[in-house]
Amino acid sequence: MFAVVEISGQQFKVQKDQKLIVNRLDEKEGSKISFENVLLIDNGDEFSLGTPKIDGYLVEARLIKHLRGKKVVVFKKKRRKGYRVKNGHKQDLSEILIESISRSNNLSKKGKVNKATPVKNNSKKIKVKEGQEKINYKSKTLIELREIAKSEKISGYSSMKKDDLIKSISSLN
């Protein structure tokens, strides 16, 4: 089983019990880290590709140690001008051990809450259509008023201002 996970802006193909060197993480050595940005899962039988990420999967890792990479030499030169600059740096890195790739229960609950939100909005639209006599149109947003005007088949609603929309919707009632 392997997964492609995003860790601090870079994508890595990881497996269980794999050691990985990534850019420095802001955690203490020995602490456990979980990565929620899982982009791909393949466990032999099941293959899932996220758009852009897969909800409900979690990659857990343990930070082994912080280290520094090899020295990178940056040499700048402009020919025939006598300009030469030599600089360099060592990159701060962290070594992590992938402990598990598993399905997470907390993330799937969040996904269900997000899917339930549009249902509530649809029920509000139905209430607007049923009880238009006592509606306060001033408290509605311009987009909501345009949706009401569209459902009432008012022409030219897309270019109307809020006050004009309220007058035209009120005149129909």
C-alpha atoms as a PDB file:
ATOM      1  CA  MET A   1       0.000   0.000   0.000  1.00  0.00           C
ATOM      2  CA  PHE A   2       1.280   3.432  -0.867  1.00  0.00           C
ATOM      3  CA  ALA A   3       0.009   6.984  -0.887  1.00  0.00           C
ATOM      4  CA  VAL A   4       0.999  10.291  -2.398  1.00  0.00           C
ATOM      5  CA  VAL A   5       0.885  12.947   0.304  1.00  0.00           C
ATOM      6  CA  GLU A   6       1.640  16.662   0.349  1.00  0.00           C
ATOM      7  CA  ILE A   7       4.108  17.659   3.057  1.00  0.00           C
ATOM      8  CA  SER A   8       4.936  21.372   3.375  1.00  0.00           C
ATOM      9  CA  GLY A   9       4.187  22.110  -0.269  1.00  0.00           C
ATOM     10  CA  GLN A  10       5.953  19.085  -1.789  1.00  0.00           C
ATOM     11  CA  GLN A  11       4.451  15.778  -2.882  1.00  0.00           C
ATOM     12  CA  PHE A  12       5.953  12.483  -1.724  1.00  0.00           C
ATOM     13  CA  LYS A  13       5.135   8.847  -2.483  1.00  0.00           C
ATOM     14  CA  VAL A  14       5.124   7.126   0.904  1.00  0.00           C
ATOM     15  CA  GLN A  15       4.722   3.598   2.270  1.00  0.00           C
ATOM     16  CA  LYS A  16       4.492   2.228   5.788  1.00  0.00           C
ATOM     17  CA  ASP A  17       7.846   2.036   7.668  1.00  0.00           C
ATOM     18  CA  GLN A  18       9.540   4.294   5.115  1.00  0.00           C
ATOM     19  CA  LYS A  19      12.061   6.923   6.187  1.00  0.00           C
ATOM     20  CA  LEU A  20      11.720  10.224   4.404  1.00  0.00           C
ATOM     21  CA  ILE A  21      13.718  13.451   4.429  1.00  0.00           C
ATOM     22  CA  VAL A  22      11.564  16.573   4.043  1.00  0.00           C
ATOM     23  CA  ASN A  23      11.977  20.302   4.576  1.00  0.00           C
ATOM     24  CA  ARG A  24      12.190  21.210   8.259  1.00  0.00           C
ATOM     25  CA  LEU A  25       8.951  20.773  10.196  1.00  0.00           C
ATOM     26  CA  ASP A  26       8.068  22.859  13.263  1.00  0.00           C
ATOM     27  CA  GLU A  27       7.712  19.902  15.620  1.00  0.00           C
ATOM     28  CA  LYS A  28       9.934  18.416  18.315  1.00  0.00           C
ATOM     29  CA  GLU A  29      11.998  15.301  17.729  1.00  0.00           C
ATOM     30  CA  GLY A  30      10.052  12.157  18.580  1.00  0.00           C
ATOM     31  CA  SER A  31       6.649  13.799  18.176  1.00  0.00           C
ATOM     32  CA  LYS A  32       3.889  12.291  16.050  1.00  0.00           C
ATOM     33  CA  ILE A  33       2.649  14.151  12.995  1.00  0.00           C
ATOM     34  CA  SER A  34      -0.399  13.508  10.841  1.00  0.00           C
ATOM     35  CA  PHE A  35      -0.757  14.664   7.243  1.00  0.00           C
ATOM     36  CA  GLU A  36      -4.299  15.121   5.927  1.00  0.00           C
ATOM     37  CA  ASN A  37      -3.463  16.202   2.363  1.00  0.00           C
ATOM     38  CA  VAL A  38      -3.540  12.721   0.826  1.00  0.00           C
ATOM     39  CA  LEU A  39      -3.655  13.043  -2.962  1.00  0.00           C
ATOM     40  CA  LEU A  40      -3.618   9.370  -4.017  1.00  0.00           C
ATOM     41  CA  ILE A  41      -4.138   5.961  -2.361  1.00  0.00           C
ATOM     42  CA  ASP A  42      -3.286   2.548  -3.820  1.00  0.00           C
ATOM     43  CA  ASN A  43      -3.564  -0.604  -1.719  1.00  0.00           C
ATOM     44  CA  GLY A  44      -3.551  -3.218  -4.471  1.00  0.00           C
ATOM     45  CA  ASP A  45      -7.329  -3.696  -4.690  1.00  0.00           C
ATOM     46  CA  GLU A  46      -8.441  -0.094  -4.349  1.00  0.00           C
ATOM     47  CA  PHE A  47      -7.083   2.927  -6.228  1.00  0.00           C
ATOM     48  CA  SER A  48      -8.329   6.410  -5.314  1.00  0.00           C
ATOM     49  CA  LEU A  49      -7.261   9.651  -6.924  1.00  0.00           C
ATOM     50  CA  GLY A  50      -8.318  12.861  -5.208  1.00  0.00           C
ATOM     51  CA  THR A  51      -9.626  16.031  -6.759  1.00  0.00           C
ATOM     52  CA  PRO A  52      -7.340  17.560  -5.395  1.00  0.00           C
ATOM     53  CA  LYS A  53      -7.269  15.534  -2.163  1.00  0.00           C
ATOM     54  CA  ILE A  54      -8.995  12.481  -0.763  1.00  0.00           C
ATOM     55  CA  ASP A  55     -11.224  13.119   2.234  1.00  0.00           C
ATOM     56  CA  GLY A  56     -11.079  10.579   5.020  1.00  0.00           C
ATOM     57  CA  TYR A  57      -7.473   9.373   4.725  1.00  0.00           C
ATOM     58  CA  LEU A  58      -4.632  10.209   7.057  1.00  0.00           C
ATOM     59  CA  VAL A  59      -0.884   9.531   6.950  1.00  0.00           C
ATOM     60  CA  GLU A  60       0.702   9.346  10.400  1.00  0.00           C
ATOM     61  CA  ALA A  61       4.428   9.775  10.893  1.00  0.00           C
ATOM     62  CA  ARG A  62       6.964  10.229  13.679  1.00  0.00           C
ATOM     63  CA  LEU A  63       9.684  12.873  13.491  1.00  0.00           C
ATOM     64  CA  ILE A  64      13.010  11.104  14.041  1.00  0.00           C
ATOM     65  CA  LYS A  65      15.467  13.996  13.949  1.00  0.00           C
ATOM     66  CA  HIS A  66      16.318  17.395  12.517  1.00  0.00           C
ATOM     67  CA  LEU A  67      19.395  17.644  10.324  1.00  0.00           C
ATOM     68  CA  ARG A  68      21.119  19.835   7.781  1.00  0.00           C
ATOM     69  CA  GLY A  69      21.661  18.931   4.161  1.00  0.00           C
ATOM     70  CA  LYS A  70      24.803  19.150   2.080  1.00  0.00           C
ATOM     71  CA  LYS A  71      26.236  22.554   1.367  1.00  0.00           C
ATOM     72  CA  VAL A  72      24.833  24.101  -1.788  1.00  0.00           C
ATOM     73  CA  VAL A  73      27.323  26.403  -3.530  1.00  0.00           C
ATOM     74  CA  VAL A  74      25.876  29.418  -5.326  1.00  0.00           C
ATOM     75  CA  PHE A  75      28.438  30.918  -7.689  1.00  0.00           C
ATOM     76  CA  LYS A  76      27.636  34.023  -9.726  1.00  0.00           C
ATOM     77  CA  LYS A  77      29.903  35.364 -12.448  1.00  0.00           C
ATOM     78  CA  LYS A  78      29.654  37.925 -15.219  1.00  0.00           C
ATOM     79  CA  ARG A  79      32.261  37.354 -17.837  1.00  0.00           C
ATOM     80  CA  ARG A  80      34.725  40.055 -18.811  1.00  0.00           C
ATOM     81  CA  LYS A  81      33.572  42.278 -15.926  1.00  0.00           C
ATOM     82  CA  GLY A  82      35.556  40.867 -13.013  1.00  0.00           C
ATOM     83  CA  TYR A  83      32.356  40.088 -11.110  1.00  0.00           C
ATOM     84  CA  ARG A  84      32.490  36.869  -9.097  1.00  0.00           C
ATOM     85  CA  VAL A  85      30.433  36.056  -5.983  1.00  0.00           C
ATOM     86  CA  LYS A  86      30.528  32.756  -4.142  1.00  0.00           C
ATOM     87  CA  ASN A  87      27.821  32.056  -1.587  1.00  0.00           C
ATOM     88  CA  GLY A  88      26.263  28.952  -0.191  1.00  0.00           C
ATOM     89  CA  HIS A  89      23.909  27.534   2.373  1.00  0.00           C
ATOM     90  CA  LYS A  90      22.825  24.320   4.050  1.00  0.00           C
ATOM     91  CA  GLN A  91      19.153  23.420   3.916  1.00  0.00           C
ATOM     92  CA  ASP A  92      17.371  22.621   7.218  1.00  0.00           C
ATOM     93  CA  LEU A  93      15.733  19.190   6.929  1.00  0.00           C
ATOM     94  CA  SER A  94      13.709  16.768   9.035  1.00  0.00           C
ATOM     95  CA  GLU A  95      13.774  12.987   8.882  1.00  0.00           C
ATOM     96  CA  ILE A  96      10.405  11.316   9.418  1.00  0.00           C
ATOM     97  CA  LEU A  97       9.239   7.707   9.633  1.00  0.00           C
ATOM     98  CA  ILE A  98       5.855   6.845   8.108  1.00  0.00           C
ATOM     99  CA  GLU A  99       3.974   4.801  10.710  1.00  0.00           C
ATOM    100  CA  SER A 100       0.593   4.246   9.082  1.00  0.00           C
ATOM    101  CA  ILE A 101      -1.687   5.113   6.192  1.00  0.00           C
ATOM    102  CA  SER A 102      -5.246   4.807   7.384  1.00  0.00           C
ATOM    103  CA  ARG A 103      -8.805   5.991   7.030  1.00  0.00           C
ATOM    104  CA  SER A 104      -9.741   8.787   9.427  1.00  0.00           C
ATOM    105  CA  ASN A 105     -13.188   9.033  11.034  1.00  0.00           C
ATOM    106  CA  ASN A 106     -13.010  12.735  11.935  1.00  0.00           C
ATOM    107  CA  LEU A 107     -12.500  13.912   8.368  1.00  0.00           C
ATOM    108  CA  SER A 108     -15.395  11.906   6.992  1.00  0.00           C
ATOM    109  CA  LYS A 109     -17.718  13.533   9.542  1.00  0.00           C
ATOM    110  CA  LYS A 110     -16.632  16.972   8.394  1.00  0.00           C
ATOM    111  CA  GLY A 111     -17.386  15.992   4.804  1.00  0.00           C
ATOM    112  CA  LYS A 112     -20.928  14.948   5.783  1.00  0.00           C
ATOM    113  CA  VAL A 113     -21.546  18.301   7.465  1.00  0.00           C
ATOM    114  CA  ASN A 114     -20.476  20.142   4.307  1.00  0.00           C
ATOM    115  CA  LYS A 115     -22.779  18.004   2.171  1.00  0.00           C
ATOM    116  CA  ALA A 116     -25.720  18.754   4.486  1.00  0.00           C
ATOM    117  CA  THR A 117     -25.329  22.531   4.192  1.00  0.00           C
ATOM    118  CA  PRO A 118     -26.735  22.899   0.626  1.00  0.00           C
ATOM    119  CA  VAL A 119     -29.841  20.957   1.680  1.00  0.00           C
ATOM    120  CA  LYS A 120     -30.570  23.646   4.270  1.00  0.00           C
ATOM    121  CA  ASN A 121     -30.169  26.343   1.621  1.00  0.00           C
ATOM    122  CA  ASN A 122     -32.609  24.552  -0.676  1.00  0.00           C
ATOM    123  CA  SER A 123     -35.201  24.430   2.098  1.00  0.00           C
ATOM    124  CA  LYS A 124     -34.857  28.195   2.564  1.00  0.00           C
ATOM    125  CA  LYS A 125     -35.534  28.736  -1.142  1.00  0.00           C
ATOM    126  CA  ILE A 126     -38.700  26.668  -0.888  1.00  0.00           C
ATOM    127  CA  LYS A 127     -39.886  28.749   2.063  1.00  0.00           C
ATOM    128  CA  VAL A 128     -39.275  31.905   0.043  1.00  0.00           C
ATOM    129  CA  LYS A 129     -41.492  30.626  -2.759  1.00  0.00           C
ATOM    130  CA  GLU A 130     -44.289  29.504  -0.426  1.00  0.00           C
ATOM    131  CA  GLY A 131     -44.599  32.529   1.873  1.00  0.00           C
ATOM    132  CA  GLN A 132     -43.767  35.564  -0.242  1.00  0.00           C
ATOM    133  CA  GLU A 133     -46.374  37.827   1.392  1.00  0.00           C
ATOM    134  CA  LYS A 134     -44.510  38.504   4.647  1.00  0.00           C
ATOM    135  CA  ILE A 135     -40.894  38.469   3.410  1.00  0.00           C
ATOM    136  CA  ASN A 136     -38.556  41.336   4.255  1.00  0.00           C
ATOM    137  CA  TYR A 137     -36.715  41.831   0.960  1.00  0.00           C
ATOM    138  CA  LYS A 138     -34.395  44.493   2.399  1.00  0.00           C
ATOM    139  CA  SER A 139     -32.611  41.829   4.479  1.00  0.00           C
ATOM    140  CA  LYS A 140     -31.950  39.657   1.398  1.00  0.00           C
ATOM    141  CA  THR A 141     -28.721  39.869  -0.556  1.00  0.00           C
ATOM    142  CA  LEU A 142     -28.622  40.916  -4.189  1.00  0.00           C
ATOM    143  CA  ILE A 143     -27.944  37.348  -5.312  1.00  0.00           C
ATOM    144  CA  GLU A 144     -30.944  36.020  -3.380  1.00  0.00           C
ATOM    145  CA  LEU A 145     -33.151  38.731  -4.862  1.00  0.00           C
ATOM    146  CA  ARG A 146     -31.951  37.867  -8.360  1.00  0.00           C
ATOM    147  CA  GLU A 147     -32.818  34.204  -7.760  1.00  0.00           C
ATOM    148  CA  ILE A 148     -36.320  35.201  -6.638  1.00  0.00           C
ATOM    149  CA  ALA A 149     -36.711  37.444  -9.703  1.00  0.00           C
ATOM    150  CA  LYS A 150     -35.558  34.607 -11.947  1.00  0.00           C
ATOM    151  CA  SER A 151     -38.087  32.211 -10.421  1.00  0.00           C
ATOM    152  CA  GLU A 152     -40.842  34.852 -10.871  1.00  0.00           C
ATOM    153  CA  LYS A 153     -39.747  35.306 -14.531  1.00  0.00           C
ATOM    154  CA  ILE A 154     -38.972  39.004 -14.271  1.00  0.00           C
ATOM    155  CA  SER A 155     -37.079  40.206 -17.344  1.00  0.00           C
ATOM    156  CA  GLY A 156     -33.911  42.279 -17.012  1.00  0.00           C
ATOM    157  CA  TYR A 157     -33.208  41.259 -13.405  1.00  0.00           C
ATOM    158  CA  SER A 158     -29.472  40.782 -13.982  1.00  0.00           C
ATOM    159  CA  SER A 159     -28.831  44.509 -14.561  1.00  0.00           C
ATOM    160  CA  MET A 160     -31.185  45.816 -11.846  1.00  0.00           C
ATOM    161  CA  LYS A 161     -29.998  47.296  -8.592  1.00  0.00           C
ATOM    162  CA  LYS A 162     -31.241  46.033  -5.240  1.00  0.00           C
ATOM    163  CA  ASP A 163     -33.953  48.674  -4.782  1.00  0.00           C
ATOM    164  CA  ASP A 164     -35.262  48.123  -8.307  1.00  0.00           C
ATOM    165  CA  LEU A 165     -35.384  44.362  -7.731  1.00  0.00           C
ATOM    166  CA  ILE A 166     -37.338  44.842  -4.475  1.00  0.00           C
ATOM    167  CA  LYS A 167     -39.859  47.126  -6.228  1.00  0.00           C
ATOM    168  CA  SER A 168     -40.396  44.753  -9.142  1.00  0.00           C
ATOM    169  CA  ILE A 169     -40.767  41.669  -6.890  1.00  0.00           C
ATOM    170  CA  SER A 170     -43.118  43.545  -4.529  1.00  0.00           C
ATOM    171  CA  SER A 171     -45.270  44.760  -7.420  1.00  0.00           C
ATOM    172  CA  LEU A 172     -46.008  41.175  -8.450  1.00  0.00           C
ATOM    173  CA  ASN A 173     -47.490  40.336  -5.032  1.00  0.00           C
END
